[in-house]
PDB file of N, CA and C in Angstrom:
ATOM      1  N   MET A   1      -2.978 -17.293   0.059  1.00  0.00           N
ATOM      2  CA  MET A   1      -1.765 -16.653  -0.377  1.00  0.00           C
ATOM      3  C   MET A   1      -1.042 -17.547  -1.333  1.00  0.00           C
ATOM      4  N   PRO A   2      -0.310 -16.823  -2.281  1.00  0.00           N
ATOM      5  CA  PRO A   2       0.246 -17.665  -3.345  1.00  0.00           C
ATOM      6  C   PRO A   2       1.809 -18.053  -2.693  1.00  0.00           C
ATOM      7  N   ALA A   3       1.882 -19.278  -2.868  1.00  0.00           N
ATOM      8  CA  ALA A   3       3.099 -19.990  -2.493  1.00  0.00           C
ATOM      9  C   ALA A   3       4.182 -19.873  -3.615  1.00  0.00           C
ATOM     10  N   TYR A   4       5.441 -20.304  -3.255  1.00  0.00           N
ATOM     11  CA  TYR A   4       6.443 -20.277  -4.239  1.00  0.00           C
ATOM     12  C   TYR A   4       6.188 -21.187  -5.436  1.00  0.00           C
ATOM     13  N   ASP A   5       5.439 -22.359  -5.294  1.00  0.00           N
ATOM     14  CA  ASP A   5       5.121 -23.152  -6.386  1.00  0.00           C
ATOM     15  C   ASP A   5       3.777 -22.986  -7.073  1.00  0.00           C
ATOM     16  N   SER A   6       3.052 -21.842  -6.580  1.00  0.00           N
ATOM     17  CA  SER A   6       1.732 -21.347  -7.250  1.00  0.00           C
ATOM     18  C   SER A   6       1.787 -19.937  -7.139  1.00  0.00           C
ATOM     19  N   PRO A   7       2.746 -19.323  -7.659  1.00  0.00           N
ATOM     20  CA  PRO A   7       2.842 -17.784  -7.706  1.00  0.00           C
ATOM     21  C   PRO A   7       1.791 -16.958  -8.364  1.00  0.00           C
ATOM     22  N   ILE A   8       1.810 -15.714  -8.027  1.00  0.00           N
ATOM     23  CA  ILE A   8       0.950 -14.806  -8.767  1.00  0.00           C
ATOM     24  C   ILE A   8       1.987 -14.202 -10.111  1.00  0.00           C
ATOM     25  N   ARG A   9       1.918 -14.454 -11.160  1.00  0.00           N
ATOM     26  CA  ARG A   9       2.634 -14.295 -12.259  1.00  0.00           C
ATOM     27  C   ARG A   9       2.321 -12.986 -12.949  1.00  0.00           C
ATOM     28  N   MET A  10       3.062 -11.846 -12.948  1.00  0.00           N
ATOM     29  CA  MET A  10       2.900 -10.547 -13.480  1.00  0.00           C
ATOM     30  C   MET A  10       3.825 -10.134 -14.601  1.00  0.00           C
ATOM     31  N   SER A  11       3.089  -9.466 -15.573  1.00  0.00           N
ATOM     32  CA  SER A  11       4.023  -9.065 -16.574  1.00  0.00           C
ATOM     33  C   SER A  11       4.005  -7.588 -16.576  1.00  0.00           C
ATOM     34  N   TYR A  12       5.118  -6.950 -16.713  1.00  0.00           N
ATOM     35  CA  TYR A  12       5.283  -5.344 -16.824  1.00  0.00           C
ATOM     36  C   TYR A  12       6.014  -5.049 -18.236  1.00  0.00           C
ATOM     37  N   ASN A  13       5.289  -4.248 -18.861  1.00  0.00           N
ATOM     38  CA  ASN A  13       5.504  -3.838 -20.227  1.00  0.00           C
ATOM     39  C   ASN A  13       5.920  -2.203 -20.178  1.00  0.00           C
ATOM     40  N   PHE A  14       7.078  -2.197 -20.899  1.00  0.00           N
ATOM     41  CA  PHE A  14       7.611  -0.681 -20.895  1.00  0.00           C
ATOM     42  C   PHE A  14       7.519  -0.296 -22.337  1.00  0.00           C
ATOM     43  N   ASP A  15       6.790   0.857 -22.707  1.00  0.00           N
ATOM     44  CA  ASP A  15       6.880   1.264 -24.284  1.00  0.00           C
ATOM     45  C   ASP A  15       8.313   1.602 -24.505  1.00  0.00           C
ATOM     46  N   THR A  16       8.261   1.798 -25.809  1.00  0.00           N
ATOM     47  CA  THR A  16       9.612   2.087 -26.395  1.00  0.00           C
ATOM     48  C   THR A  16      10.418   3.229 -25.688  1.00  0.00           C
ATOM     49  N   LYS A  17      11.884   2.638 -25.159  1.00  0.00           N
ATOM     50  CA  LYS A  17      12.622   3.589 -24.485  1.00  0.00           C
ATOM     51  C   LYS A  17      14.141   3.544 -25.021  1.00  0.00           C
ATOM     52  N   THR A  18      14.911   4.648 -25.131  1.00  0.00           N
ATOM     53  CA  THR A  18      16.064   4.534 -25.815  1.00  0.00           C
ATOM     54  C   THR A  18      17.102   3.721 -25.072  1.00  0.00           C
ATOM     55  N   LEU A  19      17.823   3.000 -25.844  1.00  0.00           N
ATOM     56  CA  LEU A  19      19.006   2.188 -25.023  1.00  0.00           C
ATOM     57  C   LEU A  19      20.450   2.863 -25.199  1.00  0.00           C
ATOM     58  N   SER A  20      20.409   3.970 -25.773  1.00  0.00           N
ATOM     59  CA  SER A  20      21.551   4.625 -26.189  1.00  0.00           C
ATOM     60  C   SER A  20      22.111   5.729 -25.063  1.00  0.00           C
ATOM     61  N   SER A  21      21.531   5.830 -23.910  1.00  0.00           N
ATOM     62  CA  SER A  21      21.897   6.634 -22.745  1.00  0.00           C
ATOM     63  C   SER A  21      21.627   5.795 -21.501  1.00  0.00           C
ATOM     64  N   LEU A  22      22.524   6.301 -20.430  1.00  0.00           N
ATOM     65  CA  LEU A  22      22.416   5.558 -19.193  1.00  0.00           C
ATOM     66  C   LEU A  22      21.000   6.286 -18.703  1.00  0.00           C
ATOM     67  N   ALA A  23      19.941   5.323 -18.254  1.00  0.00           N
ATOM     68  CA  ALA A  23      18.770   6.053 -17.810  1.00  0.00           C
ATOM     69  C   ALA A  23      17.907   4.722 -17.417  1.00  0.00           C
ATOM     70  N   GLN A  24      17.230   5.286 -16.157  1.00  0.00           N
ATOM     71  CA  GLN A  24      16.118   4.372 -15.636  1.00  0.00           C
ATOM     72  C   GLN A  24      14.906   4.347 -16.656  1.00  0.00           C
ATOM     73  N   ILE A  25      14.511   2.997 -17.066  1.00  0.00           N
ATOM     74  CA  ILE A  25      13.433   2.916 -18.063  1.00  0.00           C
ATOM     75  C   ILE A  25      12.213   2.885 -17.306  1.00  0.00           C
ATOM     76  N   GLY A  26      12.219   2.311 -15.993  1.00  0.00           N
ATOM     77  CA  GLY A  26      10.936   2.331 -15.244  1.00  0.00           C
ATOM     78  C   GLY A  26      11.121   1.574 -14.069  1.00  0.00           C
ATOM     79  N   GLN A  27       9.992   1.449 -13.227  1.00  0.00           N
ATOM     80  CA  GLN A  27       9.972   0.864 -12.052  1.00  0.00           C
ATOM     81  C   GLN A  27       8.779  -0.102 -11.878  1.00  0.00           C
ATOM     82  N   MET A  28       8.923  -1.144 -11.014  1.00  0.00           N
ATOM     83  CA  MET A  28       7.862  -2.063 -10.749  1.00  0.00           C
ATOM     84  C   MET A  28       7.774  -2.423  -9.297  1.00  0.00           C
ATOM     85  N   ALA A  29       6.497  -2.912  -9.086  1.00  0.00           N
ATOM     86  CA  ALA A  29       6.298  -3.420  -7.700  1.00  0.00           C
ATOM     87  C   ALA A  29       5.279  -4.492  -7.614  1.00  0.00           C
ATOM     88  N   GLY A  30       5.353  -5.267  -6.707  1.00  0.00           N
ATOM     89  CA  GLY A  30       4.492  -6.418  -6.633  1.00  0.00           C
ATOM     90  C   GLY A  30       3.390  -6.233  -5.684  1.00  0.00           C
ATOM     91  N   PRO A  31       2.481  -7.297  -5.447  1.00  0.00           N
ATOM     92  CA  PRO A  31       1.537  -7.043  -4.495  1.00  0.00           C
ATOM     93  C   PRO A  31       1.981  -6.945  -3.044  1.00  0.00           C
ATOM     94  N   SER A  32       1.442  -6.183  -2.278  1.00  0.00           N
ATOM     95  CA  SER A  32       1.808  -6.022  -0.906  1.00  0.00           C
ATOM     96  C   SER A  32       2.068  -7.106  -0.153  1.00  0.00           C
ATOM     97  N   GLY A  33       3.420  -7.284   0.400  1.00  0.00           N
ATOM     98  CA  GLY A  33       3.632  -8.405   1.237  1.00  0.00           C
ATOM     99  C   GLY A  33       4.349  -9.692   0.783  1.00  0.00           C
ATOM    100  N   LEU A  34       4.414  -9.737  -0.722  1.00  0.00           N
ATOM    101  CA  LEU A  34       4.770 -10.768  -1.416  1.00  0.00           C
ATOM    102  C   LEU A  34       6.370 -10.436  -1.905  1.00  0.00           C
ATOM    103  N   ARG A  35       7.018 -11.596  -1.862  1.00  0.00           N
ATOM    104  CA  ARG A  35       8.552 -11.544  -2.306  1.00  0.00           C
ATOM    105  C   ARG A  35       8.340 -12.099  -3.935  1.00  0.00           C
ATOM    106  N   GLY A  36       9.453 -11.744  -4.574  1.00  0.00           N
ATOM    107  CA  GLY A  36       9.382 -12.178  -6.115  1.00  0.00           C
ATOM    108  C   GLY A  36      10.761 -12.509  -6.517  1.00  0.00           C
ATOM    109  N   ARG A  37      10.546 -13.170  -7.926  1.00  0.00           N
ATOM    110  CA  ARG A  37      11.754 -13.607  -8.699  1.00  0.00           C
ATOM    111  C   ARG A  37      11.323 -13.349 -10.028  1.00  0.00           C
ATOM    112  N   ILE A  38      12.350 -12.869 -10.809  1.00  0.00           N
ATOM    113  CA  ILE A  38      12.383 -12.584 -12.126  1.00  0.00           C
ATOM    114  C   ILE A  38      12.389 -13.894 -13.027  1.00  0.00           C
ATOM    115  N   VAL A  39      11.410 -14.105 -13.834  1.00  0.00           N
ATOM    116  CA  VAL A  39      11.151 -15.192 -14.615  1.00  0.00           C
ATOM    117  C   VAL A  39      11.793 -15.080 -16.187  1.00  0.00           C
ATOM    118  N   ALA A  40      11.460 -13.980 -16.579  1.00  0.00           N
ATOM    119  CA  ALA A  40      11.931 -13.611 -18.016  1.00  0.00           C
ATOM    120  C   ALA A  40      12.003 -12.137 -18.157  1.00  0.00           C
ATOM    121  N   VAL A  41      12.834 -11.754 -19.244  1.00  0.00           N
ATOM    122  CA  VAL A  41      13.078 -10.442 -19.657  1.00  0.00           C
ATOM    123  C   VAL A  41      13.247 -10.518 -21.159  1.00  0.00           C
ATOM    124  N   ALA A  42      12.564  -9.618 -21.951  1.00  0.00           N
ATOM    125  CA  ALA A  42      12.582  -9.516 -23.368  1.00  0.00           C
ATOM    126  C   ALA A  42      12.609  -8.089 -23.865  1.00  0.00           C
ATOM    127  N   ALA A  43      13.463  -7.767 -24.831  1.00  0.00           N
ATOM    128  CA  ALA A  43      13.333  -6.518 -25.537  1.00  0.00           C
ATOM    129  C   ALA A  43      13.124  -6.709 -26.883  1.00  0.00           C
ATOM    130  N   VAL A  44      12.276  -5.931 -27.572  1.00  0.00           N
ATOM    131  CA  VAL A  44      11.825  -5.933 -28.943  1.00  0.00           C
ATOM    132  C   VAL A  44      12.329  -4.502 -29.482  1.00  0.00           C
ATOM    133  N   LEU A  45      13.405  -4.652 -30.358  1.00  0.00           N
ATOM    134  CA  LEU A  45      13.939  -3.514 -30.964  1.00  0.00           C
ATOM    135  C   LEU A  45      13.091  -2.705 -31.843  1.00  0.00           C
ATOM    136  N   THR A  46      12.929  -1.415 -31.469  1.00  0.00           N
ATOM    137  CA  THR A  46      12.001  -0.385 -32.214  1.00  0.00           C
ATOM    138  C   THR A  46      12.927   0.583 -33.128  1.00  0.00           C
ATOM    139  N   THR A  47      14.110   0.531 -32.775  1.00  0.00           N
ATOM    140  CA  THR A  47      15.086   1.162 -33.520  1.00  0.00           C
ATOM    141  C   THR A  47      16.351   0.414 -33.496  1.00  0.00           C
ATOM    142  N   ALA A  48      17.050   0.083 -34.619  1.00  0.00           N
ATOM    143  CA  ALA A  48      18.362  -0.681 -34.513  1.00  0.00           C
ATOM    144  C   ALA A  48      19.335  -0.238 -33.685  1.00  0.00           C
ATOM    145  N   THR A  49      20.088  -1.241 -32.872  1.00  0.00           N
ATOM    146  CA  THR A  49      21.291  -0.784 -32.068  1.00  0.00           C
ATOM    147  C   THR A  49      22.560  -0.815 -33.080  1.00  0.00           C
ATOM    148  N   THR A  50      23.232   0.109 -32.684  1.00  0.00           N
ATOM    149  CA  THR A  50      24.585   0.273 -33.465  1.00  0.00           C
ATOM    150  C   THR A  50      25.737   0.554 -32.655  1.00  0.00           C
ATOM    151  N   VAL A  51      26.868  -0.077 -33.283  1.00  0.00           N
ATOM    152  CA  VAL A  51      28.128  -0.095 -32.670  1.00  0.00           C
ATOM    153  C   VAL A  51      28.606  -0.882 -31.643  1.00  0.00           C
ATOM    154  N   ALA A  52      27.676  -0.887 -30.623  1.00  0.00           N
ATOM    155  CA  ALA A  52      27.969  -1.886 -29.506  1.00  0.00           C
ATOM    156  C   ALA A  52      26.698  -2.135 -28.798  1.00  0.00           C
ATOM    157  N   ALA A  53      27.022  -3.303 -28.140  1.00  0.00           N
ATOM    158  CA  ALA A  53      25.786  -3.860 -27.306  1.00  0.00           C
ATOM    159  C   ALA A  53      25.274  -2.967 -26.052  1.00  0.00           C
ATOM    160  N   SER A  54      23.920  -3.148 -25.652  1.00  0.00           N
ATOM    161  CA  SER A  54      23.602  -2.391 -24.540  1.00  0.00           C
ATOM    162  C   SER A  54      23.045  -3.440 -23.630  1.00  0.00           C
ATOM    163  N   VAL A  55      23.013  -3.111 -22.234  1.00  0.00           N
ATOM    164  CA  VAL A  55      22.594  -3.916 -21.172  1.00  0.00           C
ATOM    165  C   VAL A  55      21.488  -3.371 -20.522  1.00  0.00           C
ATOM    166  N   VAL A  56      20.308  -4.103 -20.345  1.00  0.00           N
ATOM    167  CA  VAL A  56      19.166  -3.696 -19.562  1.00  0.00           C
ATOM    168  C   VAL A  56      19.358  -4.491 -18.444  1.00  0.00           C
ATOM    169  N   SER A  57      19.250  -3.719 -17.211  1.00  0.00           N
ATOM    170  CA  SER A  57      19.393  -4.303 -15.840  1.00  0.00           C
ATOM    171  C   SER A  57      18.325  -4.198 -14.964  1.00  0.00           C
ATOM    172  N   ILE A  58      18.132  -5.130 -14.158  1.00  0.00           N
ATOM    173  CA  ILE A  58      16.814  -5.116 -13.253  1.00  0.00           C
ATOM    174  C   ILE A  58      17.397  -5.214 -11.855  1.00  0.00           C
ATOM    175  N   GLY A  59      17.032  -4.264 -10.986  1.00  0.00           N
ATOM    176  CA  GLY A  59      17.459  -4.180  -9.638  1.00  0.00           C
ATOM    177  C   GLY A  59      16.868  -3.439  -8.681  1.00  0.00           C
ATOM    178  N   ASN A  60      17.500  -2.617  -8.012  1.00  0.00           N
ATOM    179  CA  ASN A  60      16.869  -1.712  -6.910  1.00  0.00           C
ATOM    180  C   ASN A  60      17.663  -0.530  -6.929  1.00  0.00           C
ATOM    181  N   ASN A  61      17.411   0.404  -6.219  1.00  0.00           N
ATOM    182  CA  ASN A  61      18.122   1.578  -6.181  1.00  0.00           C
ATOM    183  C   ASN A  61      19.485   1.710  -5.656  1.00  0.00           C
ATOM    184  N   SER A  62      19.922   0.686  -5.001  1.00  0.00           N
ATOM    185  CA  SER A  62      21.311   0.354  -4.442  1.00  0.00           C
ATOM    186  C   SER A  62      21.978  -0.545  -5.226  1.00  0.00           C
ATOM    187  N   ASP A  63      21.410  -1.301  -6.038  1.00  0.00           N
ATOM    188  CA  ASP A  63      22.119  -2.446  -6.729  1.00  0.00           C
ATOM    189  C   ASP A  63      21.341  -2.640  -8.116  1.00  0.00           C
ATOM    190  N   VAL A  64      21.715  -1.803  -9.124  1.00  0.00           N
ATOM    191  CA  VAL A  64      20.743  -1.887 -10.427  1.00  0.00           C
ATOM    192  C   VAL A  64      20.911  -3.136 -11.291  1.00  0.00           C
ATOM    193  N   ASP A  65      21.692  -4.120 -10.990  1.00  0.00           N
ATOM    194  CA  ASP A  65      21.646  -5.520 -11.677  1.00  0.00           C
ATOM    195  C   ASP A  65      21.513  -6.492 -10.671  1.00  0.00           C
ATOM    196  N   LYS A  66      21.022  -6.385  -9.611  1.00  0.00           N
ATOM    197  CA  LYS A  66      20.808  -7.276  -8.509  1.00  0.00           C
ATOM    198  C   LYS A  66      20.056  -8.633  -8.898  1.00  0.00           C
ATOM    199  N   TYR A  67      18.879  -8.302  -9.641  1.00  0.00           N
ATOM    200  CA  TYR A  67      17.812  -9.462 -10.149  1.00  0.00           C
ATOM    201  C   TYR A  67      18.242 -10.119 -11.445  1.00  0.00           C
ATOM    202  N   ALA A  68      18.506  -9.217 -12.334  1.00  0.00           N
ATOM    203  CA  ALA A  68      18.694  -9.877 -13.616  1.00  0.00           C
ATOM    204  C   ALA A  68      19.264  -8.865 -14.525  1.00  0.00           C
ATOM    205  N   THR A  69      20.022  -9.399 -15.783  1.00  0.00           N
ATOM    206  CA  THR A  69      20.463  -8.381 -16.823  1.00  0.00           C
ATOM    207  C   THR A  69      20.020  -9.033 -18.240  1.00  0.00           C
ATOM    208  N   LEU A  70      20.075  -8.249 -19.189  1.00  0.00           N
ATOM    209  CA  LEU A  70      19.850  -8.649 -20.505  1.00  0.00           C
ATOM    210  C   LEU A  70      20.576  -7.886 -21.523  1.00  0.00           C
ATOM    211  N   ALA A  71      21.484  -8.909 -22.292  1.00  0.00           N
ATOM    212  CA  ALA A  71      22.392  -8.171 -23.060  1.00  0.00           C
ATOM    213  C   ALA A  71      21.513  -7.874 -24.445  1.00  0.00           C
ATOM    214  N   VAL A  72      21.630  -6.703 -25.017  1.00  0.00           N
ATOM    215  CA  VAL A  72      20.937  -6.350 -26.284  1.00  0.00           C
ATOM    216  C   VAL A  72      22.060  -6.286 -27.242  1.00  0.00           C
ATOM    217  N   PRO A  73      22.349  -7.049 -28.197  1.00  0.00           N
ATOM    218  CA  PRO A  73      23.421  -6.927 -29.106  1.00  0.00           C
ATOM    219  C   PRO A  73      23.195  -5.865 -30.371  1.00  0.00           C
ATOM    220  N   VAL A  74      24.112  -5.635 -31.028  1.00  0.00           N
ATOM    221  CA  VAL A  74      24.025  -4.858 -32.143  1.00  0.00           C
ATOM    222  C   VAL A  74      23.060  -5.594 -32.981  1.00  0.00           C
ATOM    223  N   ALA A  75      21.774  -5.045 -33.618  1.00  0.00           N
ATOM    224  CA  ALA A  75      20.856  -5.836 -34.037  1.00  0.00           C
ATOM    225  C   ALA A  75      20.141  -4.847 -35.129  1.00  0.00           C
ATOM    226  N   LEU A  76      19.230  -5.441 -35.944  1.00  0.00           N
ATOM    227  CA  LEU A  76      18.280  -4.747 -36.597  1.00  0.00           C
ATOM    228  C   LEU A  76      16.935  -4.451 -36.022  1.00  0.00           C
ATOM    229  N   ILE A  77      16.117  -3.463 -36.521  1.00  0.00           N
ATOM    230  CA  ILE A  77      14.936  -3.229 -36.095  1.00  0.00           C
ATOM    231  C   ILE A  77      14.139  -4.347 -36.082  1.00  0.00           C
ATOM    232  N   ASP A  78      13.164  -4.524 -34.929  1.00  0.00           N
ATOM    233  CA  ASP A  78      12.093  -5.547 -35.045  1.00  0.00           C
ATOM    234  C   ASP A  78      12.616  -6.893 -34.733  1.00  0.00           C
ATOM    235  N   THR A  79      13.733  -7.016 -34.101  1.00  0.00           N
ATOM    236  CA  THR A  79      14.360  -8.195 -33.691  1.00  0.00           C
ATOM    237  C   THR A  79      14.097  -8.318 -32.183  1.00  0.00           C
ATOM    238  N   ILE A  80      14.036  -9.513 -31.732  1.00  0.00           N
ATOM    239  CA  ILE A  80      13.559  -9.814 -30.279  1.00  0.00           C
ATOM    240  C   ILE A  80      14.885 -10.414 -29.691  1.00  0.00           C
ATOM    241  N   HIS A  81      15.045  -9.963 -28.352  1.00  0.00           N
ATOM    242  CA  HIS A  81      16.162 -10.555 -27.641  1.00  0.00           C
ATOM    243  C   HIS A  81      15.520 -10.794 -26.227  1.00  0.00           C
ATOM    244  N   ASN A  82      15.569 -12.172 -25.702  1.00  0.00           N
ATOM    245  CA  ASN A  82      14.956 -12.374 -24.571  1.00  0.00           C
ATOM    246  C   ASN A  82      15.947 -13.502 -23.714  1.00  0.00           C
ATOM    247  N   ASP A  83      15.393 -13.629 -22.503  1.00  0.00           N
ATOM    248  CA  ASP A  83      16.241 -14.606 -21.680  1.00  0.00           C
ATOM    249  C   ASP A  83      15.316 -15.041 -20.711  1.00  0.00           C
ATOM    250  N   PHE A  84      15.150 -16.407 -20.437  1.00  0.00           N
ATOM    251  CA  PHE A  84      14.647 -16.809 -19.040  1.00  0.00           C
ATOM    252  C   PHE A  84      15.741 -16.837 -18.106  1.00  0.00           C
ATOM    253  N   VAL A  85      15.247 -16.453 -16.874  1.00  0.00           N
ATOM    254  CA  VAL A  85      16.210 -16.212 -15.731  1.00  0.00           C
ATOM    255  C   VAL A  85      16.118 -17.310 -14.644  1.00  0.00           C
ATOM    256  N   SER A  86      17.166 -18.039 -14.523  1.00  0.00           N
ATOM    257  CA  SER A  86      17.482 -18.962 -13.609  1.00  0.00           C
ATOM    258  C   SER A  86      18.133 -18.474 -12.213  1.00  0.00           C
ATOM    259  N   LEU A  87      17.357 -18.327 -11.068  1.00  0.00           N
ATOM    260  CA  LEU A  87      17.920 -17.810  -9.779  1.00  0.00           C
ATOM    261  C   LEU A  87      18.374 -19.092  -9.194  1.00  0.00           C
ATOM    262  N   THR A  88      19.669 -19.044  -8.652  1.00  0.00           N
ATOM    263  CA  THR A  88      20.478 -20.110  -8.097  1.00  0.00           C
ATOM    264  C   THR A  88      20.680 -19.649  -6.490  1.00  0.00           C
ATOM    265  N   THR A  89      20.343 -18.321  -6.060  1.00  0.00           N
ATOM    266  CA  THR A  89      20.665 -17.976  -4.757  1.00  0.00           C
ATOM    267  C   THR A  89      19.335 -17.165  -4.260  1.00  0.00           C
ATOM    268  N   ASP A  90      19.264 -17.138  -2.967  1.00  0.00           N
ATOM    269  CA  ASP A  90      18.320 -16.365  -2.316  1.00  0.00           C
ATOM    270  C   ASP A  90      18.548 -14.856  -2.478  1.00  0.00           C
ATOM    271  N   ASP A  91      19.943 -14.530  -2.628  1.00  0.00           N
ATOM    272  CA  ASP A  91      20.207 -12.982  -2.941  1.00  0.00           C
ATOM    273  C   ASP A  91      19.575 -12.486  -4.229  1.00  0.00           C
ATOM    274  N   ALA A  92      19.141 -13.237  -5.027  1.00  0.00           N
ATOM    275  CA  ALA A  92      18.433 -12.721  -6.385  1.00  0.00           C
ATOM    276  C   ALA A  92      16.886 -12.616  -6.047  1.00  0.00           C
ATOM    277  N   LEU A  93      16.514 -13.028  -4.860  1.00  0.00           N
ATOM    278  CA  LEU A  93      14.990 -12.882  -4.612  1.00  0.00           C
ATOM    279  C   LEU A  93      14.736 -11.405  -4.284  1.00  0.00           C
ATOM    280  N   ILE A  94      13.533 -11.001  -4.925  1.00  0.00           N
ATOM    281  CA  ILE A  94      13.063  -9.746  -4.662  1.00  0.00           C
ATOM    282  C   ILE A  94      12.387  -9.635  -3.164  1.00  0.00           C
ATOM    283  N   ALA A  95      12.721  -8.834  -2.459  1.00  0.00           N
ATOM    284  CA  ALA A  95      12.094  -8.572  -0.983  1.00  0.00           C
ATOM    285  C   ALA A  95      10.714  -8.015  -1.213  1.00  0.00           C
ATOM    286  N   ALA A  96       9.920  -8.511  -0.194  1.00  0.00           N
ATOM    287  CA  ALA A  96       8.745  -8.052  -0.172  1.00  0.00           C
ATOM    288  C   ALA A  96       8.618  -6.476  -0.054  1.00  0.00           C
ATOM    289  N   ASP A  97       7.732  -5.744  -0.762  1.00  0.00           N
ATOM    290  CA  ASP A  97       7.407  -4.364  -0.891  1.00  0.00           C
ATOM    291  C   ASP A  97       8.775  -3.594  -1.335  1.00  0.00           C
ATOM    292  N   THR A  98       9.458  -4.162  -2.220  1.00  0.00           N
ATOM    293  CA  THR A  98      10.755  -3.369  -2.813  1.00  0.00           C
ATOM    294  C   THR A  98      10.241  -2.813  -4.010  1.00  0.00           C
ATOM    295  N   ILE A  99      10.736  -1.694  -4.299  1.00  0.00           N
ATOM    296  CA  ILE A  99      10.707  -1.006  -5.691  1.00  0.00           C
ATOM    297  C   ILE A  99      11.793  -1.701  -6.469  1.00  0.00           C
ATOM    298  N   VAL A 100      11.419  -2.235  -7.697  1.00  0.00           N
ATOM    299  CA  VAL A 100      12.254  -2.742  -8.618  1.00  0.00           C
ATOM    300  C   VAL A 100      12.502  -1.796  -9.778  1.00  0.00           C
ATOM    301  N   THR A 101      13.663  -1.540 -10.075  1.00  0.00           N
ATOM    302  CA  THR A 101      14.079  -0.671 -11.107  1.00  0.00           C
ATOM    303  C   THR A 101      14.468  -1.400 -12.423  1.00  0.00           C
ATOM    304  N   LEU A 102      14.185  -0.798 -13.569  1.00  0.00           N
ATOM    305  CA  LEU A 102      14.672  -1.134 -14.749  1.00  0.00           C
ATOM    306  C   LEU A 102      15.584  -0.261 -15.416  1.00  0.00           C
ATOM    307  N   GLU A 103      16.772  -0.413 -15.791  1.00  0.00           N
ATOM    308  CA  GLU A 103      17.550   0.585 -16.331  1.00  0.00           C
ATOM    309  C   GLU A 103      18.491   0.034 -17.648  1.00  0.00           C
ATOM    310  N   THR A 104      18.995   1.074 -18.325  1.00  0.00           N
ATOM    311  CA  THR A 104      19.759   0.774 -19.429  1.00  0.00           C
ATOM    312  C   THR A 104      21.221   1.423 -19.126  1.00  0.00           C
ATOM    313  N   ASP A 105      22.231   0.604 -19.736  1.00  0.00           N
ATOM    314  CA  ASP A 105      23.590   1.251 -19.604  1.00  0.00           C
ATOM    315  C   ASP A 105      24.095   2.126 -20.567  1.00  0.00           C
ATOM    316  N   GLY A 106      23.356   2.337 -21.650  1.00  0.00           N
ATOM    317  CA  GLY A 106      23.542   3.296 -22.791  1.00  0.00           C
ATOM    318  C   GLY A 106      24.665   2.783 -23.581  1.00  0.00           C
ATOM    319  N   GLY A 107      25.013   1.610 -23.711  1.00  0.00           N
ATOM    320  CA  GLY A 107      26.095   0.989 -24.381  1.00  0.00           C
ATOM    321  C   GLY A 107      26.295   1.102 -25.868  1.00  0.00           C
ATOM    322  N   CYS A 108      24.960   1.316 -26.554  1.00  0.00           N
ATOM    323  CA  CYS A 108      25.015   1.460 -28.031  1.00  0.00           C
ATOM    324  C   CYS A 108      24.937   3.065 -28.284  1.00  0.00           C
ATOM    325  N   THR A 109      25.160   3.258 -29.648  1.00  0.00           N
ATOM    326  CA  THR A 109      25.187   4.678 -30.055  1.00  0.00           C
ATOM    327  C   THR A 109      23.898   5.114 -30.597  1.00  0.00           C
ATOM    328  N   ALA A 110      23.135   4.164 -31.002  1.00  0.00           N
ATOM    329  CA  ALA A 110      21.645   4.323 -31.395  1.00  0.00           C
ATOM    330  C   ALA A 110      20.846   3.023 -30.988  1.00  0.00           C
ATOM    331  N   GLY A 111      19.550   3.273 -30.810  1.00  0.00           N
ATOM    332  CA  GLY A 111      18.922   2.033 -30.373  1.00  0.00           C
ATOM    333  C   GLY A 111      17.679   2.403 -29.481  1.00  0.00           C
ATOM    334  N   ALA A 112      16.524   1.565 -29.718  1.00  0.00           N
ATOM    335  CA  ALA A 112      15.420   1.700 -28.637  1.00  0.00           C
ATOM    336  C   ALA A 112      14.800   0.387 -28.775  1.00  0.00           C
ATOM    337  N   ALA A 113      13.857   0.203 -27.640  1.00  0.00           N
ATOM    338  CA  ALA A 113      13.291  -1.205 -27.524  1.00  0.00           C
ATOM    339  C   ALA A 113      12.073  -1.017 -26.587  1.00  0.00           C
ATOM    340  N   SER A 114      11.070  -1.836 -26.658  1.00  0.00           N
ATOM    341  CA  SER A 114      10.121  -2.153 -25.864  1.00  0.00           C
ATOM    342  C   SER A 114      10.573  -3.218 -25.025  1.00  0.00           C
ATOM    343  N   VAL A 115      10.531  -3.074 -23.592  1.00  0.00           N
ATOM    344  CA  VAL A 115      10.952  -4.247 -22.769  1.00  0.00           C
ATOM    345  C   VAL A 115       9.786  -4.713 -22.006  1.00  0.00           C
ATOM    346  N   ASN A 116       9.981  -6.078 -21.823  1.00  0.00           N
ATOM    347  CA  ASN A 116       8.898  -6.654 -20.966  1.00  0.00           C
ATOM    348  C   ASN A 116       9.666  -7.655 -19.952  1.00  0.00           C
ATOM    349  N   VAL A 117       9.078  -7.401 -18.710  1.00  0.00           N
ATOM    350  CA  VAL A 117       9.566  -8.353 -17.503  1.00  0.00           C
ATOM    351  C   VAL A 117       8.577  -9.027 -16.951  1.00  0.00           C
ATOM    352  N   VAL A 118       8.799 -10.294 -16.600  1.00  0.00           N
ATOM    353  CA  VAL A 118       7.763 -11.244 -15.988  1.00  0.00           C
ATOM    354  C   VAL A 118       8.443 -11.520 -14.702  1.00  0.00           C
ATOM    355  N   ILE A 119       7.643 -11.341 -13.704  1.00  0.00           N
ATOM    356  CA  ILE A 119       7.845 -11.775 -12.248  1.00  0.00           C
ATOM    357  C   ILE A 119       6.996 -12.528 -11.626  1.00  0.00           C
ATOM    358  N   ASP A 120       7.274 -13.554 -10.720  1.00  0.00           N
ATOM    359  CA  ASP A 120       6.422 -14.439 -10.045  1.00  0.00           C
ATOM    360  C   ASP A 120       6.443 -13.854  -8.445  1.00  0.00           C
ATOM    361  N   TRP A 121       5.491 -13.732  -8.071  1.00  0.00           N
ATOM    362  CA  TRP A 121       5.206 -13.124  -6.733  1.00  0.00           C
ATOM    363  C   TRP A 121       4.517 -14.184  -5.770  1.00  0.00           C
ATOM    364  N   PHE A 122       5.207 -14.355  -4.506  1.00  0.00           N
ATOM    365  CA  PHE A 122       4.729 -15.399  -3.567  1.00  0.00           C
ATOM    366  C   PHE A 122       5.156 -14.990  -2.081  1.00  0.00           C
ATOM    367  N   ILE A 123       4.574 -15.681  -1.167  1.00  0.00           N
ATOM    368  CA  ILE A 123       4.876 -15.495   0.178  1.00  0.00           C
ATOM    369  C   ILE A 123       6.170 -15.996   0.778  1.00  0.00           C
TER     370      ILE A 123
END
């Protein structure tokens, strides 16, 4: 079984989704029985964001930003916004067999992005 120091690394890709309305972008789940931690989050703008920044949150059904957030600023099309996530507490670890949600707060008035999330899964 994969241990914390040698996890199974999985990348979850979500096709273009609007950032200008409060919505769930998608859901993710890891291998059965394994815990996880977010390693990185990236958004590639396919439509420019306007007026205000938008936030992409990774969490669960009871806490939408429990594991990570990514601020997507006002920016032009084809720009990349990413962040490596450093977890400092066990509270940010994903429990085994949890459905992980990806949501946007709809902060911008226009904008769309393809989003990629990298998660390490371990016992």
